[in-house]
């Protein structure tokens, strides 16, 4: 799974450094280093008035904030990885 966080100027001002830190910590806490690759990306092209744009593989998610991060991570990373594991 490739997770790209927009680090363009708009998302940077909306908290992308904090989202990157939260992702790094979550990946480490759940021991997902072998399953998840983190990367920064300049503008993904889906700017939102609230929060940061994050792309997970081909899916783009807008409006990610530190307040919504836990739910975002559970739904879009943990749940997806669990589905992939069950399919193997």
PDB file of N, CA and C in Angstrom:
ATOM      1  N   UNK A   1       0.853  -1.175   0.000  1.00  0.00           N
ATOM      2  CA  UNK A   1       0.000   0.000   0.000  1.00  0.00           C
ATOM      3  C   UNK A   1       0.897   1.237   0.000  1.00  0.00           C
ATOM      4  N   UNK A   2       0.623   2.144  -0.925  1.00  0.00           N
ATOM      5  CA  UNK A   2       1.366   3.397  -0.998  1.00  0.00           C
ATOM      6  C   UNK A   2       0.470   4.531  -0.515  1.00  0.00           C
ATOM      7  N   UNK A   3       0.935   5.245   0.500  1.00  0.00           N
ATOM      8  CA  UNK A   3       0.212   6.400   1.022  1.00  0.00           C
ATOM      9  C   UNK A   3       1.038   7.640   0.714  1.00  0.00           C
ATOM     10  N   UNK A   4       0.438   8.551  -0.049  1.00  0.00           N
ATOM     11  CA  UNK A   4       1.102   9.801  -0.403  1.00  0.00           C
ATOM     12  C   UNK A   4       0.351  10.963   0.253  1.00  0.00           C
ATOM     13  N   UNK A   5       1.087  11.792   0.958  1.00  0.00           N
ATOM     14  CA  UNK A   5       0.507  12.959   1.606  1.00  0.00           C
ATOM     15  C   UNK A   5       0.907  14.191   0.812  1.00  0.00           C
ATOM     16  N   UNK A   6      -0.081  15.007   0.465  1.00  0.00           N
ATOM     17  CA  UNK A   6       0.227  16.244  -0.242  1.00  0.00           C
ATOM     18  C   UNK A   6       1.021  17.157   0.690  1.00  0.00           C
ATOM     19  N   UNK A   7       2.143  17.641   0.210  1.00  0.00           N
ATOM     20  CA  UNK A   7       2.961  18.581   0.972  1.00  0.00           C
ATOM     21  C   UNK A   7       3.086  19.904   0.227  1.00  0.00           C
ATOM     22  N   UNK A   8       2.177  20.124  -0.721  1.00  0.00           N
ATOM     23  CA  UNK A   8       2.141  21.398  -1.433  1.00  0.00           C
ATOM     24  C   UNK A   8       1.792  22.515  -0.463  1.00  0.00           C
ATOM     25  N   UNK A   9       1.908  23.734  -0.920  1.00  0.00           N
ATOM     26  CA  UNK A   9       1.761  24.885  -0.020  1.00  0.00           C
ATOM     27  C   UNK A   9       0.409  24.924   0.681  1.00  0.00           C
ATOM     28  N   UNK A  10      -0.673  24.650  -0.015  1.00  0.00           N
ATOM     29  CA  UNK A  10      -1.994  24.709   0.597  1.00  0.00           C
ATOM     30  C   UNK A  10      -2.143  23.647   1.684  1.00  0.00           C
ATOM     31  N   UNK A  11      -1.794  22.413   1.380  1.00  0.00           N
ATOM     32  CA  UNK A  11      -1.912  21.340   2.373  1.00  0.00           C
ATOM     33  C   UNK A  11      -0.907  21.525   3.511  1.00  0.00           C
ATOM     34  N   UNK A  12       0.256  22.068   3.187  1.00  0.00           N
ATOM     35  CA  UNK A  12       1.247  22.335   4.233  1.00  0.00           C
ATOM     36  C   UNK A  12       0.654  23.288   5.276  1.00  0.00           C
ATOM     37  N   UNK A  13       0.004  24.325   4.798  1.00  0.00           N
ATOM     38  CA  UNK A  13      -0.609  25.294   5.710  1.00  0.00           C
ATOM     39  C   UNK A  13      -1.775  24.691   6.491  1.00  0.00           C
ATOM     40  N   UNK A  14      -2.396  23.650   5.939  1.00  0.00           N
ATOM     41  CA  UNK A  14      -3.541  23.010   6.594  1.00  0.00           C
ATOM     42  C   UNK A  14      -3.132  21.839   7.484  1.00  0.00           C
ATOM     43  N   UNK A  15      -1.825  21.594   7.614  1.00  0.00           N
ATOM     44  CA  UNK A  15      -1.373  20.594   8.577  1.00  0.00           C
ATOM     45  C   UNK A  15      -0.722  19.343   8.049  1.00  0.00           C
ATOM     46  N   UNK A  16      -0.246  19.340   6.805  1.00  0.00           N
ATOM     47  CA  UNK A  16       0.362  18.101   6.297  1.00  0.00           C
ATOM     48  C   UNK A  16       1.556  17.626   7.129  1.00  0.00           C
ATOM     49  N   UNK A  17       2.388  18.511   7.711  1.00  0.00           N
ATOM     50  CA  UNK A  17       3.470  17.980   8.554  1.00  0.00           C
ATOM     51  C   UNK A  17       2.929  17.145   9.730  1.00  0.00           C
ATOM     52  N   UNK A  18       1.831  17.583  10.332  1.00  0.00           N
ATOM     53  CA  UNK A  18       1.245  16.835  11.439  1.00  0.00           C
ATOM     54  C   UNK A  18       0.656  15.510  10.963  1.00  0.00           C
ATOM     55  N   UNK A  19       0.035  15.506   9.778  1.00  0.00           N
ATOM     56  CA  UNK A  19      -0.537  14.268   9.235  1.00  0.00           C
ATOM     57  C   UNK A  19       0.579  13.268   8.925  1.00  0.00           C
ATOM     58  N   UNK A  20       1.689  13.757   8.396  1.00  0.00           N
ATOM     59  CA  UNK A  20       2.839  12.881   8.129  1.00  0.00           C
ATOM     60  C   UNK A  20       3.320  12.253   9.425  1.00  0.00           C
ATOM     61  N   UNK A  21       3.442  13.052  10.474  1.00  0.00           N
ATOM     62  CA  UNK A  21       3.888  12.522  11.769  1.00  0.00           C
ATOM     63  C   UNK A  21       2.906  11.488  12.314  1.00  0.00           C
ATOM     64  N   UNK A  22       1.613  11.769  12.209  1.00  0.00           N
ATOM     65  CA  UNK A  22       0.599  10.817  12.681  1.00  0.00           C
ATOM     66  C   UNK A  22       0.663   9.512  11.889  1.00  0.00           C
ATOM     67  N   UNK A  23       0.858   9.611  10.586  1.00  0.00           N
ATOM     68  CA  UNK A  23       0.977   8.406   9.758  1.00  0.00           C
ATOM     69  C   UNK A  23       2.212   7.601  10.139  1.00  0.00           C
ATOM     70  N   UNK A  24       3.335   8.267  10.306  1.00  0.00           N
ATOM     71  CA  UNK A  24       4.564   7.563  10.679  1.00  0.00           C
ATOM     72  C   UNK A  24       4.381   6.824  12.001  1.00  0.00           C
ATOM     73  N   UNK A  25       3.762   7.491  12.963  1.00  0.00           N
ATOM     74  CA  UNK A  25       3.541   6.876  14.269  1.00  0.00           C
ATOM     75  C   UNK A  25       2.569   5.703  14.163  1.00  0.00           C
ATOM     76  N   UNK A  26       1.473   5.874  13.431  1.00  0.00           N
ATOM     77  CA  UNK A  26       0.478   4.807  13.297  1.00  0.00           C
ATOM     78  C   UNK A  26       1.067   3.588  12.596  1.00  0.00           C
ATOM     79  N   UNK A  27       1.819   3.814  11.535  1.00  0.00           N
ATOM     80  CA  UNK A  27       2.450   2.701  10.814  1.00  0.00           C
ATOM     81  C   UNK A  27       3.388   1.948  11.752  1.00  0.00           C
ATOM     82  N   UNK A  28       4.143   2.686  12.547  1.00  0.00           N
ATOM     83  CA  UNK A  28       5.056   2.062  13.501  1.00  0.00           C
ATOM     84  C   UNK A  28       4.293   1.338  14.613  1.00  0.00           C
ATOM     85  N   UNK A  29       3.275   1.994  15.180  1.00  0.00           N
ATOM     86  CA  UNK A  29       2.499   1.402  16.274  1.00  0.00           C
ATOM     87  C   UNK A  29       1.829   0.093  15.867  1.00  0.00           C
ATOM     88  N   UNK A  30       1.370   0.022  14.623  1.00  0.00           N
ATOM     89  CA  UNK A  30       0.695  -1.187  14.133  1.00  0.00           C
ATOM     90  C   UNK A  30       1.646  -2.143  13.410  1.00  0.00           C
ATOM     91  N   UNK A  31       2.943  -1.826  13.415  1.00  0.00           N
ATOM     92  CA  UNK A  31       3.978  -2.670  12.797  1.00  0.00           C
ATOM     93  C   UNK A  31       3.671  -2.947  11.322  1.00  0.00           C
ATOM     94  N   UNK A  32       3.354  -1.890  10.600  1.00  0.00           N
ATOM     95  CA  UNK A  32       2.983  -2.012   9.182  1.00  0.00           C
ATOM     96  C   UNK A  32       4.105  -1.595   8.231  1.00  0.00           C
ATOM     97  N   UNK A  33       5.314  -1.492   8.741  1.00  0.00           N
ATOM     98  CA  UNK A  33       6.428  -1.002   7.932  1.00  0.00           C
ATOM     99  C   UNK A  33       6.643  -1.816   6.658  1.00  0.00           C
ATOM    100  N   UNK A  34       6.341  -3.113   6.690  1.00  0.00           N
ATOM    101  CA  UNK A  34       6.531  -3.964   5.513  1.00  0.00           C
ATOM    102  C   UNK A  34       5.342  -3.923   4.556  1.00  0.00           C
ATOM    103  N   UNK A  35       4.233  -3.321   4.987  1.00  0.00           N
ATOM    104  CA  UNK A  35       3.023  -3.310   4.173  1.00  0.00           C
ATOM    105  C   UNK A  35       2.656  -1.928   3.635  1.00  0.00           C
ATOM    106  N   UNK A  36       3.204  -0.888   4.262  1.00  0.00           N
ATOM    107  CA  UNK A  36       2.829   0.482   3.908  1.00  0.00           C
ATOM    108  C   UNK A  36       4.078   1.283   3.570  1.00  0.00           C
ATOM    109  N   UNK A  37       4.041   1.945   2.426  1.00  0.00           N
ATOM    110  CA  UNK A  37       5.098   2.878   2.048  1.00  0.00           C
ATOM    111  C   UNK A  37       4.528   4.293   2.126  1.00  0.00           C
ATOM    112  N   UNK A  38       5.239   5.173   2.814  1.00  0.00           N
ATOM    113  CA  UNK A  38       4.810   6.560   2.941  1.00  0.00           C
ATOM    114  C   UNK A  38       5.645   7.435   2.020  1.00  0.00           C
ATOM    115  N   UNK A  39       4.978   8.411   1.396  1.00  0.00           N
ATOM    116  CA  UNK A  39       5.683   9.338   0.510  1.00  0.00           C
ATOM    117  C   UNK A  39       4.999  10.694   0.561  1.00  0.00           C
ATOM    118  N   UNK A  40       5.757  11.713   0.253  1.00  0.00           N
ATOM    119  CA  UNK A  40       5.199  13.051   0.099  1.00  0.00           C
ATOM    120  C   UNK A  40       4.931  13.286  -1.370  1.00  0.00           C
ATOM    121  N   UNK A  41       3.985  14.139  -1.654  1.00  0.00           N
ATOM    122  CA  UNK A  41       3.645  14.457  -3.030  1.00  0.00           C
ATOM    123  C   UNK A  41       3.279  15.930  -3.106  1.00  0.00           C
ATOM    124  N   UNK A  42       3.731  16.576  -4.157  1.00  0.00           N
ATOM    125  CA  UNK A  42       3.253  17.933  -4.350  1.00  0.00           C
ATOM    126  C   UNK A  42       1.851  17.840  -4.907  1.00  0.00           C
ATOM    127  N   UNK A  43       1.179  18.905  -5.029  1.00  0.00           N
ATOM    128  CA  UNK A  43      -0.261  18.986  -5.272  1.00  0.00           C
ATOM    129  C   UNK A  43      -0.830  17.774  -6.009  1.00  0.00           C
ATOM    130  N   UNK A  44      -1.802  17.139  -5.351  1.00  0.00           N
ATOM    131  CA  UNK A  44      -2.503  15.991  -5.920  1.00  0.00           C
ATOM    132  C   UNK A  44      -3.667  16.473  -6.784  1.00  0.00           C
ATOM    133  N   UNK A  45      -4.014  17.752  -6.652  1.00  0.00           N
ATOM    134  CA  UNK A  45      -5.039  18.346  -7.498  1.00  0.00           C
ATOM    135  C   UNK A  45      -6.447  18.286  -6.957  1.00  0.00           C
ATOM    136  N   UNK A  46      -6.597  17.961  -5.701  1.00  0.00           N
ATOM    137  CA  UNK A  46      -7.928  17.880  -5.088  1.00  0.00           C
ATOM    138  C   UNK A  46      -7.979  18.735  -3.822  1.00  0.00           C
ATOM    139  N   UNK A  47      -7.513  19.958  -3.923  1.00  0.00           N
ATOM    140  CA  UNK A  47      -7.461  20.845  -2.758  1.00  0.00           C
ATOM    141  C   UNK A  47      -8.840  20.980  -2.124  1.00  0.00           C
ATOM    142  N   UNK A  48      -8.831  21.124  -0.825  1.00  0.00           N
ATOM    143  CA  UNK A  48     -10.048  21.210  -0.036  1.00  0.00           C
ATOM    144  C   UNK A  48      -9.874  22.360   0.940  1.00  0.00           C
ATOM    145  N   UNK A  49     -10.946  22.986   1.319  1.00  0.00           N
ATOM    146  CA  UNK A  49     -10.853  24.101   2.267  1.00  0.00           C
ATOM    147  C   UNK A  49     -10.422  23.652   3.650  1.00  0.00           C
ATOM    148  N   UNK A  50     -10.715  22.395   3.987  1.00  0.00           N
ATOM    149  CA  UNK A  50     -10.397  21.871   5.313  1.00  0.00           C
ATOM    150  C   UNK A  50      -9.468  20.683   5.151  1.00  0.00           C
ATOM    151  N   UNK A  51      -8.370  20.695   5.848  1.00  0.00           N
ATOM    152  CA  UNK A  51      -7.515  19.524   5.931  1.00  0.00           C
ATOM    153  C   UNK A  51      -6.634  19.254   4.731  1.00  0.00           C
ATOM    154  N   UNK A  52      -6.033  18.103   4.790  1.00  0.00           N
ATOM    155  CA  UNK A  52      -4.963  17.690   3.890  1.00  0.00           C
ATOM    156  C   UNK A  52      -5.485  16.628   2.926  1.00  0.00           C
ATOM    157  N   UNK A  53      -4.927  16.605   1.727  1.00  0.00           N
ATOM    158  CA  UNK A  53      -5.258  15.583   0.739  1.00  0.00           C
ATOM    159  C   UNK A  53      -4.254  14.437   0.864  1.00  0.00           C
ATOM    160  N   UNK A  54      -4.792  13.213   0.937  1.00  0.00           N
ATOM    161  CA  UNK A  54      -3.967  12.015   1.065  1.00  0.00           C
ATOM    162  C   UNK A  54      -4.415  11.026  -0.001  1.00  0.00           C
ATOM    163  N   UNK A  55      -3.448  10.463  -0.717  1.00  0.00           N
ATOM    164  CA  UNK A  55      -3.755   9.450  -1.720  1.00  0.00           C
ATOM    165  C   UNK A  55      -3.269   8.100  -1.215  1.00  0.00           C
ATOM    166  N   UNK A  56      -4.172   7.122  -1.215  1.00  0.00           N
ATOM    167  CA  UNK A  56      -3.831   5.748  -0.835  1.00  0.00           C
ATOM    168  C   UNK A  56      -4.020   4.896  -2.073  1.00  0.00           C
ATOM    169  N   UNK A  57      -2.912   4.409  -2.597  1.00  0.00           N
ATOM    170  CA  UNK A  57      -2.895   3.735  -3.888  1.00  0.00           C
ATOM    171  C   UNK A  57      -3.595   4.644  -4.905  1.00  0.00           C
ATOM    172  N   UNK A  58      -4.738   4.259  -5.447  1.00  0.00           N
ATOM    173  CA  UNK A  58      -5.412   5.092  -6.446  1.00  0.00           C
ATOM    174  C   UNK A  58      -6.549   5.936  -5.880  1.00  0.00           C
ATOM    175  N   UNK A  59      -6.820   5.819  -4.584  1.00  0.00           N
ATOM    176  CA  UNK A  59      -7.932   6.535  -3.963  1.00  0.00           C
ATOM    177  C   UNK A  59      -7.461   7.832  -3.324  1.00  0.00           C
ATOM    178  N   UNK A  60      -8.156   8.919  -3.627  1.00  0.00           N
ATOM    179  CA  UNK A  60      -7.810  10.228  -3.083  1.00  0.00           C
ATOM    180  C   UNK A  60      -8.810  10.601  -1.996  1.00  0.00           C
ATOM    181  N   UNK A  61      -8.278  11.025  -0.861  1.00  0.00           N
ATOM    182  CA  UNK A  61      -9.082  11.427   0.294  1.00  0.00           C
ATOM    183  C   UNK A  61      -8.747  12.881   0.613  1.00  0.00           C
ATOM    184  N   UNK A  62      -9.766  13.693   0.770  1.00  0.00           N
ATOM    185  CA  UNK A  62      -9.546  15.105   1.060  1.00  0.00           C
ATOM    186  C   UNK A  62     -10.038  15.422   2.471  1.00  0.00           C
ATOM    187  N   UNK A  63      -9.520  16.512   3.002  1.00  0.00           N
ATOM    188  CA  UNK A  63     -10.003  16.996   4.285  1.00  0.00           C
ATOM    189  C   UNK A  63      -9.521  16.228   5.499  1.00  0.00           C
ATOM    190  N   UNK A  64      -8.372  15.565   5.405  1.00  0.00           N
ATOM    191  CA  UNK A  64      -7.848  14.826   6.545  1.00  0.00           C
ATOM    192  C   UNK A  64      -7.236  15.827   7.537  1.00  0.00           C
ATOM    193  N   UNK A  65      -7.694  15.760   8.775  1.00  0.00           N
ATOM    194  CA  UNK A  65      -7.182  16.628   9.832  1.00  0.00           C
ATOM    195  C   UNK A  65      -6.666  15.767  10.972  1.00  0.00           C
ATOM    196  N   UNK A  66      -5.952  16.373  11.900  1.00  0.00           N
ATOM    197  CA  UNK A  66      -5.488  15.580  13.039  1.00  0.00           C
ATOM    198  C   UNK A  66      -6.670  15.085  13.862  1.00  0.00           C
ATOM    199  N   UNK A  67      -7.781  15.831  13.856  1.00  0.00           N
ATOM    200  CA  UNK A  67      -8.975  15.403  14.581  1.00  0.00           C
ATOM    201  C   UNK A  67      -9.662  14.209  13.909  1.00  0.00           C
ATOM    202  N   UNK A  68      -9.598  14.135  12.600  1.00  0.00           N
ATOM    203  CA  UNK A  68     -10.249  13.036  11.878  1.00  0.00           C
ATOM    204  C   UNK A  68      -9.288  11.898  11.540  1.00  0.00           C
ATOM    205  N   UNK A  69      -8.020  12.052  11.936  1.00  0.00           N
ATOM    206  CA  UNK A  69      -6.997  11.107  11.506  1.00  0.00           C
ATOM    207  C   UNK A  69      -7.274   9.680  11.955  1.00  0.00           C
ATOM    208  N   UNK A  70      -7.641   9.479  13.217  1.00  0.00           N
ATOM    209  CA  UNK A  70      -7.824   8.115  13.733  1.00  0.00           C
ATOM    210  C   UNK A  70      -8.862   7.360  12.920  1.00  0.00           C
ATOM    211  N   UNK A  71     -10.011   7.989  12.698  1.00  0.00           N
ATOM    212  CA  UNK A  71     -11.069   7.346  11.909  1.00  0.00           C
ATOM    213  C   UNK A  71     -10.607   7.113  10.469  1.00  0.00           C
ATOM    214  N   UNK A  72      -9.942   8.096   9.888  1.00  0.00           N
ATOM    215  CA  UNK A  72      -9.405   7.973   8.530  1.00  0.00           C
ATOM    216  C   UNK A  72      -8.464   6.777   8.431  1.00  0.00           C
ATOM    217  N   UNK A  73      -7.536   6.657   9.371  1.00  0.00           N
ATOM    218  CA  UNK A  73      -6.548   5.578   9.335  1.00  0.00           C
ATOM    219  C   UNK A  73      -7.215   4.217   9.510  1.00  0.00           C
ATOM    220  N   UNK A  74      -8.142   4.126  10.458  1.00  0.00           N
ATOM    221  CA  UNK A  74      -8.827   2.855  10.684  1.00  0.00           C
ATOM    222  C   UNK A  74      -9.607   2.410   9.455  1.00  0.00           C
ATOM    223  N   UNK A  75     -10.351   3.328   8.845  1.00  0.00           N
ATOM    224  CA  UNK A  75     -11.194   2.976   7.695  1.00  0.00           C
ATOM    225  C   UNK A  75     -10.397   2.708   6.435  1.00  0.00           C
ATOM    226  N   UNK A  76      -9.408   3.525   6.173  1.00  0.00           N
ATOM    227  CA  UNK A  76      -8.748   3.500   4.875  1.00  0.00           C
ATOM    228  C   UNK A  76      -7.418   2.771   4.831  1.00  0.00           C
ATOM    229  N   UNK A  77      -6.865   2.468   5.987  1.00  0.00           N
ATOM    230  CA  UNK A  77      -5.611   1.709   6.014  1.00  0.00           C
ATOM    231  C   UNK A  77      -5.843   0.362   6.701  1.00  0.00           C
ATOM    232  N   UNK A  78      -6.209   0.387   7.968  1.00  0.00           N
ATOM    233  CA  UNK A  78      -6.360  -0.878   8.703  1.00  0.00           C
ATOM    234  C   UNK A  78      -7.423  -1.771   8.097  1.00  0.00           C
ATOM    235  N   UNK A  79      -8.601  -1.230   7.812  1.00  0.00           N
ATOM    236  CA  UNK A  79      -9.674  -2.047   7.238  1.00  0.00           C
ATOM    237  C   UNK A  79      -9.301  -2.600   5.871  1.00  0.00           C
ATOM    238  N   UNK A  80      -8.670  -1.780   5.045  1.00  0.00           N
ATOM    239  CA  UNK A  80      -8.269  -2.232   3.702  1.00  0.00           C
ATOM    240  C   UNK A  80      -7.216  -3.329   3.801  1.00  0.00           C
ATOM    241  N   UNK A  81      -6.237  -3.137   4.673  1.00  0.00           N
ATOM    242  CA  UNK A  81      -5.213  -4.169   4.834  1.00  0.00           C
ATOM    243  C   UNK A  81      -5.815  -5.466   5.354  1.00  0.00           C
ATOM    244  N   UNK A  82      -6.775  -5.388   6.271  1.00  0.00           N
ATOM    245  CA  UNK A  82      -7.441  -6.597   6.778  1.00  0.00           C
ATOM    246  C   UNK A  82      -8.213  -7.311   5.679  1.00  0.00           C
ATOM    247  N   UNK A  83      -8.882  -6.566   4.814  1.00  0.00           N
ATOM    248  CA  UNK A  83      -9.603  -7.171   3.691  1.00  0.00           C
ATOM    249  C   UNK A  83      -8.622  -7.855   2.749  1.00  0.00           C
ATOM    250  N   UNK A  84      -7.511  -7.192   2.477  1.00  0.00           N
ATOM    251  CA  UNK A  84      -6.496  -7.789   1.584  1.00  0.00           C
ATOM    252  C   UNK A  84      -5.940  -9.072   2.184  1.00  0.00           C
ATOM    253  N   UNK A  85      -5.686  -9.068   3.495  1.00  0.00           N
ATOM    254  CA  UNK A  85      -5.159 -10.273   4.144  1.00  0.00           C
ATOM    255  C   UNK A  85      -6.180 -11.414   4.099  1.00  0.00           C
ATOM    256  N   UNK A  86      -7.448 -11.093   4.306  1.00  0.00           N
ATOM    257  CA  UNK A  86      -8.488 -12.125   4.277  1.00  0.00           C
ATOM    258  C   UNK A  86      -8.652 -12.719   2.895  1.00  0.00           C
ATOM    259  N   UNK A  87      -8.354 -11.931   1.874  1.00  0.00           N
ATOM    260  CA  UNK A  87      -8.487 -12.407   0.500  1.00  0.00           C
ATOM    261  C   UNK A  87      -7.364 -13.313   0.051  1.00  0.00           C
ATOM    262  N   UNK A  88      -6.298 -13.371   0.817  1.00  0.00           N
ATOM    263  CA  UNK A  88      -5.157 -14.212   0.434  1.00  0.00           C
ATOM    264  C   UNK A  88      -5.380 -15.657   0.759  1.00  0.00           C
TER     265      UNK A  88
END
